[in-house]
C-alpha atoms as a PDB file:
ATOM      1  CA  MET A   1       8.441  -6.694  -4.144  1.00  0.00           C
ATOM      2  CA  VAL A   2       7.604  -4.538  -1.327  1.00  0.00           C
ATOM      3  CA  LYS A   3       8.701  -0.871  -1.384  1.00  0.00           C
ATOM      4  CA  LEU A   4       8.330   1.623   1.502  1.00  0.00           C
ATOM      5  CA  LEU A   5       7.950   5.293   1.448  1.00  0.00           C
ATOM      6  CA  ILE A   6       8.800   6.390   5.215  1.00  0.00           C
ATOM      7  CA  GLY A   7       8.452   9.636   6.639  1.00  0.00           C
ATOM      8  CA  LYS A   8       6.964  12.055   9.125  1.00  0.00           C
ATOM      9  CA  LYS A   9       3.467  13.241   8.654  1.00  0.00           C
ATOM     10  CA  GLY A  10       3.354  16.136   6.055  1.00  0.00           C
ATOM     11  CA  ALA A  11       6.557  15.136   4.307  1.00  0.00           C
ATOM     12  CA  GLY A  12       4.929  14.615   1.085  1.00  0.00           C
ATOM     13  CA  LYS A  13       4.463  11.014   0.907  1.00  0.00           C
ATOM     14  CA  THR A  14       0.982  10.865  -0.545  1.00  0.00           C
ATOM     15  CA  LYS A  15       1.884  13.438  -3.147  1.00  0.00           C
ATOM     16  CA  SER A  16       4.787  11.271  -4.087  1.00  0.00           C
ATOM     17  CA  MET A  17       2.648   7.985  -4.216  1.00  0.00           C
ATOM     18  CA  ILE A  18      -0.044   9.901  -6.422  1.00  0.00           C
ATOM     19  CA  ASP A  19       2.964  10.939  -8.816  1.00  0.00           C
ATOM     20  CA  MET A  20       4.229   7.353  -8.929  1.00  0.00           C
ATOM     21  CA  ALA A  21       0.769   5.734  -9.430  1.00  0.00           C
ATOM     22  CA  ASN A  22      -0.009   8.200 -12.196  1.00  0.00           C
ATOM     23  CA  GLU A  23       3.463   7.363 -13.903  1.00  0.00           C
ATOM     24  CA  LYS A  24       3.064   3.651 -13.255  1.00  0.00           C
ATOM     25  CA  VAL A  25      -0.406   3.480 -14.982  1.00  0.00           C
ATOM     26  CA  GLU A  26       1.098   4.953 -18.231  1.00  0.00           C
ATOM     27  CA  GLN A  27       3.838   2.253 -18.308  1.00  0.00           C
ATOM     28  CA  SER A  28       1.682  -0.602 -17.080  1.00  0.00           C
ATOM     29  CA  ASN A  29      -0.049  -3.193 -19.137  1.00  0.00           C
ATOM     30  CA  GLY A  30      -1.871  -4.560 -16.015  1.00  0.00           C
ATOM     31  CA  SER A  31      -3.946  -2.900 -13.308  1.00  0.00           C
ATOM     32  CA  VAL A  32      -2.707  -0.458 -10.790  1.00  0.00           C
ATOM     33  CA  ILE A  33      -4.605  -0.207  -7.461  1.00  0.00           C
ATOM     34  CA  PHE A  34      -4.469   2.782  -5.060  1.00  0.00           C
ATOM     35  CA  ILE A  35      -5.771   2.093  -1.525  1.00  0.00           C
ATOM     36  CA  ASN A  36      -6.457   5.076   0.743  1.00  0.00           C
ATOM     37  CA  LYS A  37      -8.377   5.952   3.784  1.00  0.00           C
ATOM     38  CA  ASN A  38     -10.981   8.124   2.064  1.00  0.00           C
ATOM     39  CA  GLN A  39     -12.093   9.411  -1.296  1.00  0.00           C
ATOM     40  CA  ARG A  40     -10.014  12.749  -0.909  1.00  0.00           C
ATOM     41  CA  LEU A  41      -7.553  11.563  -3.540  1.00  0.00           C
ATOM     42  CA  MET A  42      -9.797  10.195  -6.045  1.00  0.00           C
ATOM     43  CA  TYR A  43      -9.501  12.987  -8.538  1.00  0.00           C
ATOM     44  CA  ASP A  44      -5.883  13.372  -8.209  1.00  0.00           C
ATOM     45  CA  LEU A  45      -5.389   9.913  -9.762  1.00  0.00           C
ATOM     46  CA  LYS A  46      -5.671   8.865 -13.383  1.00  0.00           C
ATOM     47  CA  TYR A  47      -9.072   7.392 -14.280  1.00  0.00           C
ATOM     48  CA  ARG A  48      -7.397   3.969 -15.117  1.00  0.00           C
ATOM     49  CA  ILE A  49      -6.116   3.478 -11.549  1.00  0.00           C
ATOM     50  CA  ARG A  50      -8.572   1.557  -9.303  1.00  0.00           C
ATOM     51  CA  VAL A  51      -9.132   3.573  -6.317  1.00  0.00           C
ATOM     52  CA  VAL A  52     -10.177   1.717  -3.123  1.00  0.00           C
ATOM     53  CA  CYS A  53     -11.399   3.723  -0.314  1.00  0.00           C
ATOM     54  CA  MET A  54     -11.192   1.831   3.207  1.00  0.00           C
ATOM     55  CA  GLU A  55     -14.028   3.951   4.670  1.00  0.00           C
ATOM     56  CA  GLU A  56     -16.234   2.029   2.708  1.00  0.00           C
ATOM     57  CA  PHE A  57     -15.107  -1.022   4.331  1.00  0.00           C
ATOM     58  CA  GLU A  58     -15.373  -0.100   7.971  1.00  0.00           C
ATOM     59  CA  HIS A  59     -15.880  -3.818   9.250  1.00  0.00           C
ATOM     60  CA  ILE A  60     -12.164  -4.428   8.327  1.00  0.00           C
ATOM     61  CA  THR A  61     -10.790  -3.984  11.695  1.00  0.00           C
ATOM     62  CA  ASN A  62      -7.503  -5.925  11.891  1.00  0.00           C
ATOM     63  CA  SER A  63      -4.599  -7.012   9.831  1.00  0.00           C
ATOM     64  CA  ASP A  64      -5.851 -10.551   9.107  1.00  0.00           C
ATOM     65  CA  GLU A  65      -9.039  -9.090   7.634  1.00  0.00           C
ATOM     66  CA  TYR A  66      -6.940  -6.488   5.704  1.00  0.00           C
ATOM     67  CA  ILE A  67      -4.759  -9.294   4.225  1.00  0.00           C
ATOM     68  CA  GLY A  68      -8.052 -11.057   3.338  1.00  0.00           C
ATOM     69  CA  PHE A  69      -9.381  -8.096   1.776  1.00  0.00           C
ATOM     70  CA  LEU A  70      -6.259  -7.823  -0.454  1.00  0.00           C
ATOM     71  CA  TYR A  71      -6.561 -11.264  -1.437  1.00  0.00           C
ATOM     72  CA  GLY A  72     -10.182 -10.536  -2.431  1.00  0.00           C
ATOM     73  CA  ILE A  73      -8.799  -7.739  -4.580  1.00  0.00           C
ATOM     74  CA  ILE A  74      -6.413  -9.867  -6.158  1.00  0.00           C
ATOM     75  CA  SER A  75      -8.937 -12.849  -6.873  1.00  0.00           C
ATOM     76  CA  ALA A  76     -11.049 -10.388  -8.590  1.00  0.00           C
ATOM     77  CA  ASP A  77      -8.419  -9.175 -10.978  1.00  0.00           C
ATOM     78  CA  HIS A  78      -5.480 -11.425 -12.292  1.00  0.00           C
ATOM     79  CA  ASP A  79      -3.756  -8.472 -14.057  1.00  0.00           C
ATOM     80  CA  ILE A  80      -2.851  -6.348 -10.807  1.00  0.00           C
ATOM     81  CA  GLU A  81       0.725  -5.245 -11.296  1.00  0.00           C
ATOM     82  CA  THR A  82       1.083  -2.708  -8.569  1.00  0.00           C
ATOM     83  CA  VAL A  83      -0.857  -1.890  -5.246  1.00  0.00           C
ATOM     84  CA  PHE A  84      -0.324   1.413  -3.587  1.00  0.00           C
ATOM     85  CA  ILE A  85      -1.073   1.516   0.072  1.00  0.00           C
ATOM     86  CA  ASP A  86      -1.082   5.065   1.353  1.00  0.00           C
ATOM     87  CA  SER A  87      -0.857   5.807   5.110  1.00  0.00           C
ATOM     88  CA  ILE A  88      -1.052   2.048   6.309  1.00  0.00           C
ATOM     89  CA  LEU A  89      -1.043   3.122   9.788  1.00  0.00           C
ATOM     90  CA  LYS A  90      -4.397   4.686   9.538  1.00  0.00           C
ATOM     91  CA  HIS A  91      -6.004   1.287   8.247  1.00  0.00           C
ATOM     92  CA  ALA A  92      -7.570  -1.277  10.431  1.00  0.00           C
ATOM     93  CA  ASP A  93      -5.511  -2.032  13.455  1.00  0.00           C
ATOM     94  CA  ILE A  94      -2.023  -1.836  11.830  1.00  0.00           C
ATOM     95  CA  SER A  95       0.486  -0.239  14.015  1.00  0.00           C
ATOM     96  CA  GLU A  96       4.149   0.197  14.394  1.00  0.00           C
ATOM     97  CA  GLU A  97       4.110  -2.788  16.526  1.00  0.00           C
ATOM     98  CA  ASN A  98       2.715  -5.272  13.983  1.00  0.00           C
ATOM     99  CA  ILE A  99       4.026  -3.494  10.789  1.00  0.00           C
ATOM    100  CA  PRO A 100       6.871  -5.985  10.527  1.00  0.00           C
ATOM    101  CA  GLU A 101       4.629  -8.938  10.393  1.00  0.00           C
ATOM    102  CA  PHE A 102       2.255  -7.215   8.044  1.00  0.00           C
ATOM    103  CA  ILE A 103       5.012  -6.262   5.529  1.00  0.00           C
ATOM    104  CA  LYS A 104       6.386  -9.748   5.592  1.00  0.00           C
ATOM    105  CA  ARG A 105       2.933 -10.952   4.648  1.00  0.00           C
ATOM    106  CA  LEU A 106       2.692  -8.595   1.860  1.00  0.00           C
ATOM    107  CA  ASP A 107       6.071  -9.553   0.642  1.00  0.00           C
ATOM    108  CA  ARG A 108       4.863 -13.338   0.498  1.00  0.00           C
ATOM    109  CA  ILE A 109       1.729 -12.205  -1.425  1.00  0.00           C
ATOM    110  CA  SER A 110       3.976 -10.012  -3.852  1.00  0.00           C
ATOM    111  CA  LYS A 111       6.127 -13.077  -4.608  1.00  0.00           C
ATOM    112  CA  LYS A 112       3.436 -15.486  -5.017  1.00  0.00           C
ATOM    113  CA  TYR A 113       1.274 -13.288  -7.343  1.00  0.00           C
ATOM    114  CA  ASN A 114       4.273 -10.994  -8.885  1.00  0.00           C
ATOM    115  CA  ILE A 115       2.565  -7.966  -7.571  1.00  0.00           C
ATOM    116  CA  GLU A 116       4.631  -4.752  -6.451  1.00  0.00           C
ATOM    117  CA  PHE A 117       3.399  -3.171  -3.183  1.00  0.00           C
ATOM    118  CA  ILE A 118       4.297   0.401  -2.461  1.00  0.00           C
ATOM    119  CA  VAL A 119       3.316   1.181   1.024  1.00  0.00           C
ATOM    120  CA  SER A 120       3.564   4.571   2.823  1.00  0.00           C
ATOM    121  CA  LEU A 121       4.130   4.739   6.432  1.00  0.00           C
ATOM    122  CA  SER A 122       3.989   7.875   8.704  1.00  0.00           C
ATOM    123  CA  ALA A 123       7.005   7.147  10.917  1.00  0.00           C
ATOM    124  CA  GLU A 124      10.639   7.423  11.300  1.00  0.00           C
ATOM    125  CA  LYS A 125      12.859   4.530  10.182  1.00  0.00           C
ATOM    126  CA  GLU A 126      13.975   4.151  13.981  1.00  0.00           C
ATOM    127  CA  GLU A 127      10.354   3.967  15.079  1.00  0.00           C
ATOM    128  CA  LEU A 128       9.796   0.822  13.019  1.00  0.00           C
ATOM    129  CA  LYS A 129      11.644  -1.629  15.201  1.00  0.00           C
ATOM    130  CA  GLY A 130      11.677  -5.214  13.673  1.00  0.00           C
ATOM    131  CA  VAL A 131      11.504  -4.112   9.955  1.00  0.00           C
ATOM    132  CA  ASP A 132      14.459  -5.688   8.007  1.00  0.00           C
ATOM    133  CA  PHE A 133      15.215  -2.720   5.852  1.00  0.00           C
ATOM    134  CA  ASP A 134      17.661  -4.876   3.955  1.00  0.00           C
ATOM    135  CA  GLN A 135      14.698  -7.035   2.581  1.00  0.00           C
ATOM    136  CA  PHE A 136      12.627  -4.080   1.385  1.00  0.00           C
ATOM    137  CA  GLU A 137      13.517  -1.173  -0.820  1.00  0.00           C
ATOM    138  CA  THR A 138      13.055   2.080   0.860  1.00  0.00           C
ATOM    139  CA  LEU A 139      11.884   4.935  -1.660  1.00  0.00           C
ATOM    140  CA  ASN A 140      13.146   7.829   0.320  1.00  0.00           C
END
């Protein structure tokens, strides 16, 4: 399942995701992954959460490479239960225009590998044209 956390910049989405991830890792029997742009949040997350900082992977420049990167993470750990992706619009070339296709691809990965994705987007719902909000749970 793909869950979306949507709102303007500064609305508290990152803080909410940190709280959700810290709570999730306590309930989880598998792995929890938190993908962020940089290392700024590393010490806010519990030590059992695998933090991935995209600044370390600057050669991932488009959504195809990003999806391939996610497959790499999944292939390295078959126990992943939840992947948090903070501020996806700051990663690679993912934008409001291509976010509908990206989220559909995440949904296919989610169903195939039984992984929950929680993704934050700094945008208003109205700006995300083409996203079928009936298909994805919105957390706010």
